[in-house]
Amino acid sequence: MGSLSIWHWILVIAVVLLLFGRGKISDLMGDVAQGIKAFKKGMQDDDKVADKPEPAKSIEHAAAPPTAARSDVGSKAV
């Protein structure tokens, strides 16, 4: 009861063909193929962008003048 035989599949395919017709199904498959091609092209474009890394940017930092040590840090007032 849980498995479908070949006759069940033939009946399902026949009903689908009758409902949608051959032209609509072929148009649908063409649209799916175009979508897959566009997706693959987008993935290749992303890989090309990732292959060209940007040059490393450095941050220039001016050293601050040394300040006197604070005397209250670490001391405990009793």
N, C-alpha and C. Protein backbone atom coordinates (compact mmCIF):
# COMPACT_ATOMS: atom_id res chain seq x y z
N MET A 1 0.82 -1.19 0.00
CA MET A 1 0.00 0.00 0.00
C MET A 1 0.87 1.26 0.00
N GLY A 2 2.05 1.21 0.62
CA GLY A 2 2.90 2.38 0.70
C GLY A 2 3.74 2.62 -0.54
N SER A 3 3.94 1.60 -1.38
CA SER A 3 4.79 1.77 -2.55
C SER A 3 3.94 2.01 -3.79
N LEU A 4 4.52 2.72 -4.74
CA LEU A 4 3.81 3.02 -5.98
C LEU A 4 4.39 2.16 -7.10
N SER A 5 3.54 1.53 -7.87
CA SER A 5 4.00 0.71 -8.98
C SER A 5 4.20 1.57 -10.22
N ILE A 6 4.69 0.97 -11.27
CA ILE A 6 4.93 1.69 -12.52
C ILE A 6 3.61 2.23 -13.09
N TRP A 7 2.51 1.51 -12.87
CA TRP A 7 1.21 1.96 -13.38
C TRP A 7 0.75 3.23 -12.67
N HIS A 8 1.07 3.34 -11.40
CA HIS A 8 0.72 4.57 -10.68
C HIS A 8 1.47 5.77 -11.26
N TRP A 9 2.75 5.57 -11.53
CA TRP A 9 3.57 6.66 -12.08
C TRP A 9 3.09 7.04 -13.48
N ILE A 10 2.73 6.06 -14.30
CA ILE A 10 2.23 6.35 -15.65
C ILE A 10 0.94 7.15 -15.56
N LEU A 11 0.08 6.80 -14.64
CA LEU A 11 -1.18 7.52 -14.47
C LEU A 11 -0.92 8.95 -13.99
N VAL A 12 0.00 9.13 -13.07
CA VAL A 12 0.33 10.48 -12.57
C VAL A 12 0.90 11.34 -13.70
N ILE A 13 1.80 10.78 -14.48
CA ILE A 13 2.40 11.53 -15.60
C ILE A 13 1.33 11.89 -16.63
N ALA A 14 0.43 10.97 -16.92
CA ALA A 14 -0.64 11.24 -17.88
C ALA A 14 -1.54 12.37 -17.40
N VAL A 15 -1.88 12.37 -16.13
CA VAL A 15 -2.74 13.43 -15.58
C VAL A 15 -2.02 14.78 -15.63
N VAL A 16 -0.75 14.79 -15.30
CA VAL A 16 0.03 16.04 -15.35
C VAL A 16 0.09 16.56 -16.78
N LEU A 17 0.33 15.68 -17.74
CA LEU A 17 0.38 16.11 -19.14
C LEU A 17 -0.98 16.64 -19.61
N LEU A 18 -2.04 16.01 -19.18
CA LEU A 18 -3.37 16.49 -19.56
C LEU A 18 -3.69 17.85 -18.94
N LEU A 19 -3.29 18.06 -17.71
CA LEU A 19 -3.58 19.32 -17.04
C LEU A 19 -2.75 20.48 -17.58
N PHE A 20 -1.46 20.25 -17.72
CA PHE A 20 -0.57 21.35 -18.09
C PHE A 20 -0.25 21.39 -19.57
N GLY A 21 -0.35 20.29 -20.26
CA GLY A 21 -0.01 20.27 -21.67
C GLY A 21 1.49 20.24 -21.88
N ARG A 22 1.88 19.80 -23.05
CA ARG A 22 3.31 19.64 -23.34
C ARG A 22 4.02 20.99 -23.42
N GLY A 23 3.39 21.99 -23.98
CA GLY A 23 4.03 23.30 -24.15
C GLY A 23 4.34 23.98 -22.83
N LYS A 24 3.42 23.92 -21.88
CA LYS A 24 3.65 24.58 -20.59
C LYS A 24 4.77 23.90 -19.82
N ILE A 25 4.83 22.58 -19.90
CA ILE A 25 5.88 21.87 -19.15
C ILE A 25 7.24 22.16 -19.76
N SER A 26 7.35 22.20 -21.10
CA SER A 26 8.64 22.50 -21.72
C SER A 26 9.07 23.93 -21.43
N ASP A 27 8.11 24.86 -21.40
CA ASP A 27 8.43 26.25 -21.03
C ASP A 27 8.92 26.33 -19.60
N LEU A 28 8.27 25.59 -18.73
CA LEU A 28 8.67 25.57 -17.32
C LEU A 28 10.08 25.01 -17.15
N MET A 29 10.38 23.93 -17.88
CA MET A 29 11.72 23.34 -17.77
C MET A 29 12.78 24.30 -18.35
N GLY A 30 12.43 25.03 -19.40
CA GLY A 30 13.36 26.02 -19.94
C GLY A 30 13.63 27.13 -18.95
N ASP A 31 12.60 27.56 -18.24
CA ASP A 31 12.78 28.60 -17.21
C ASP A 31 13.65 28.09 -16.07
N VAL A 32 13.47 26.84 -15.69
CA VAL A 32 14.29 26.25 -14.63
C VAL A 32 15.75 26.19 -15.08
N ALA A 33 15.98 25.79 -16.34
CA ALA A 33 17.34 25.71 -16.86
C ALA A 33 18.00 27.09 -16.89
N GLN A 34 17.26 28.13 -17.28
CA GLN A 34 17.81 29.48 -17.27
C GLN A 34 18.15 29.94 -15.86
N GLY A 35 17.31 29.57 -14.91
CA GLY A 35 17.59 29.92 -13.52
C GLY A 35 18.85 29.25 -13.01
N ILE A 36 19.05 27.99 -13.37
CA ILE A 36 20.25 27.26 -12.94
C ILE A 36 21.48 27.90 -13.57
N LYS A 37 21.41 28.25 -14.85
CA LYS A 37 22.54 28.89 -15.53
C LYS A 37 22.88 30.23 -14.88
N ALA A 38 21.86 31.01 -14.55
CA ALA A 38 22.09 32.31 -13.91
C ALA A 38 22.72 32.12 -12.54
N PHE A 39 22.28 31.11 -11.82
CA PHE A 39 22.85 30.83 -10.50
C PHE A 39 24.32 30.44 -10.62
N LYS A 40 24.65 29.57 -11.56
CA LYS A 40 26.04 29.15 -11.75
C LYS A 40 26.91 30.33 -12.16
N LYS A 41 26.38 31.20 -13.03
CA LYS A 41 27.14 32.38 -13.45
C LYS A 41 27.40 33.31 -12.26
N GLY A 42 26.39 33.47 -11.42
CA GLY A 42 26.57 34.30 -10.23
C GLY A 42 27.60 33.72 -9.28
N MET A 43 27.62 32.40 -9.14
CA MET A 43 28.61 31.76 -8.27
C MET A 43 30.01 31.94 -8.83
N GLN A 44 30.17 31.86 -10.16
CA GLN A 44 31.48 32.06 -10.77
C GLN A 44 31.94 33.49 -10.61
N ASP A 45 31.02 34.45 -10.72
CA ASP A 45 31.37 35.85 -10.53
C ASP A 45 31.85 36.09 -9.10
N ASP A 46 31.20 35.46 -8.12
CA ASP A 46 31.63 35.60 -6.73
C ASP A 46 33.02 35.01 -6.53
N ASP A 47 33.32 33.89 -7.18
CA ASP A 47 34.64 33.29 -7.06
C ASP A 47 35.71 34.17 -7.67
N LYS A 48 35.40 34.83 -8.79
CA LYS A 48 36.37 35.71 -9.44
C LYS A 48 36.69 36.91 -8.55
N VAL A 49 35.68 37.45 -7.89
CA VAL A 49 35.88 38.58 -6.99
C VAL A 49 36.72 38.14 -5.79
N ALA A 50 36.48 36.95 -5.28
CA ALA A 50 37.22 36.46 -4.12
C ALA A 50 38.67 36.14 -4.47
N ASP A 51 38.95 35.81 -5.73
CA ASP A 51 40.32 35.49 -6.13
C ASP A 51 41.22 36.71 -6.15
N LYS A 52 40.65 37.89 -6.31
CA LYS A 52 41.44 39.11 -6.37
C LYS A 52 41.35 39.82 -5.02
N PRO A 53 42.23 39.49 -4.09
CA PRO A 53 42.15 40.14 -2.78
C PRO A 53 42.60 41.60 -2.86
N GLU A 54 42.02 42.40 -2.03
CA GLU A 54 42.41 43.80 -1.96
C GLU A 54 43.73 43.91 -1.21
N PRO A 55 44.54 44.91 -1.54
CA PRO A 55 45.79 45.06 -0.80
C PRO A 55 45.51 45.36 0.67
N ALA A 56 46.40 44.88 1.50
CA ALA A 56 46.23 45.07 2.94
C ALA A 56 46.37 46.54 3.29
N LYS A 57 45.49 47.01 4.12
CA LYS A 57 45.53 48.41 4.54
C LYS A 57 46.21 48.48 5.90
N SER A 58 47.07 49.47 6.05
CA SER A 58 47.75 49.63 7.33
C SER A 58 47.17 50.85 8.05
N ILE A 59 47.16 50.76 9.33
CA ILE A 59 46.67 51.86 10.15
C ILE A 59 47.87 52.57 10.74
N GLU A 60 47.95 53.85 10.45
CA GLU A 60 49.07 54.62 10.98
C GLU A 60 48.70 55.09 12.37
N HIS A 61 49.61 54.87 13.29
CA HIS A 61 49.34 55.20 14.68
C HIS A 61 50.49 56.05 15.20
N ALA A 62 50.16 57.22 15.67
CA ALA A 62 51.17 58.09 16.27
C ALA A 62 51.28 57.71 17.74
N ALA A 63 52.49 57.49 18.19
CA ALA A 63 52.70 57.09 19.58
C ALA A 63 52.37 58.26 20.50
N ALA A 64 51.61 57.99 21.54
CA ALA A 64 51.25 59.02 22.50
C ALA A 64 52.43 59.22 23.46
N PRO A 65 52.61 60.42 23.94
CA PRO A 65 53.72 60.64 24.88
C PRO A 65 53.46 59.85 26.17
N PRO A 66 54.50 59.33 26.75
CA PRO A 66 54.32 58.54 27.97
C PRO A 66 53.74 59.41 29.09
N THR A 67 52.86 58.85 29.85
CA THR A 67 52.25 59.58 30.96
C THR A 67 52.79 59.03 32.26
N ALA A 68 52.69 59.82 33.28
CA ALA A 68 53.16 59.40 34.59
C ALA A 68 52.26 58.30 35.11
N ALA A 69 52.83 57.35 35.80
CA ALA A 69 52.06 56.22 36.36
C ALA A 69 51.14 56.77 37.44
N ARG A 70 49.96 56.23 37.48
CA ARG A 70 49.01 56.65 38.49
C ARG A 70 49.37 55.98 39.80
N SER A 71 49.28 56.73 40.86
CA SER A 71 49.66 56.20 42.14
C SER A 71 48.48 55.48 42.84
N ASP A 72 47.26 55.73 42.41
CA ASP A 72 46.12 55.12 43.10
C ASP A 72 45.74 53.75 42.52
N VAL A 73 46.34 53.35 41.44
CA VAL A 73 46.01 52.07 40.82
C VAL A 73 46.72 50.96 41.60
N GLY A 74 45.97 50.00 42.03
CA GLY A 74 46.55 48.87 42.72
C GLY A 74 46.80 49.09 44.19
N SER A 75 46.58 50.28 44.68
CA SER A 75 46.81 50.50 46.11
C SER A 75 45.50 50.40 46.85
N LYS A 76 45.57 49.94 48.04
CA LYS A 76 44.36 49.80 48.85
C LYS A 76 44.42 50.80 49.99
N ALA A 77 43.37 51.56 50.10
CA ALA A 77 43.31 52.53 51.21
C ALA A 77 42.73 51.80 52.41
N VAL A 78 43.36 51.93 53.53
CA VAL A 78 42.89 51.26 54.73
C VAL A 78 42.40 52.27 55.71
